[in-house]
């Protein structure tokens, strides 16, 4: 039995809708992956800033200790 032109159009429309739904689902997966990666990058940036802050604090502490030590050495040499 041959399909009528209307039936052919309906079949094509269903196929097209199915393809469009697959595309939409894929796009949504991409959006979710982008969000996940953005969150991961944000987390890495926060860790990086924490590490940099710790390094800077340690350097400042070392500088204070060094200045104190040099001050004590200079006083010893002057006395």
Foldseek 3Di string as FASTA:
>chain_A
DDDDPVVVVVVVVVVVVVVVVVVVVVVVVVVVVVVVVVVVVVVVVVVVVVVVVVVVVVVVVVVVVVVVVVVVVVVVVVD
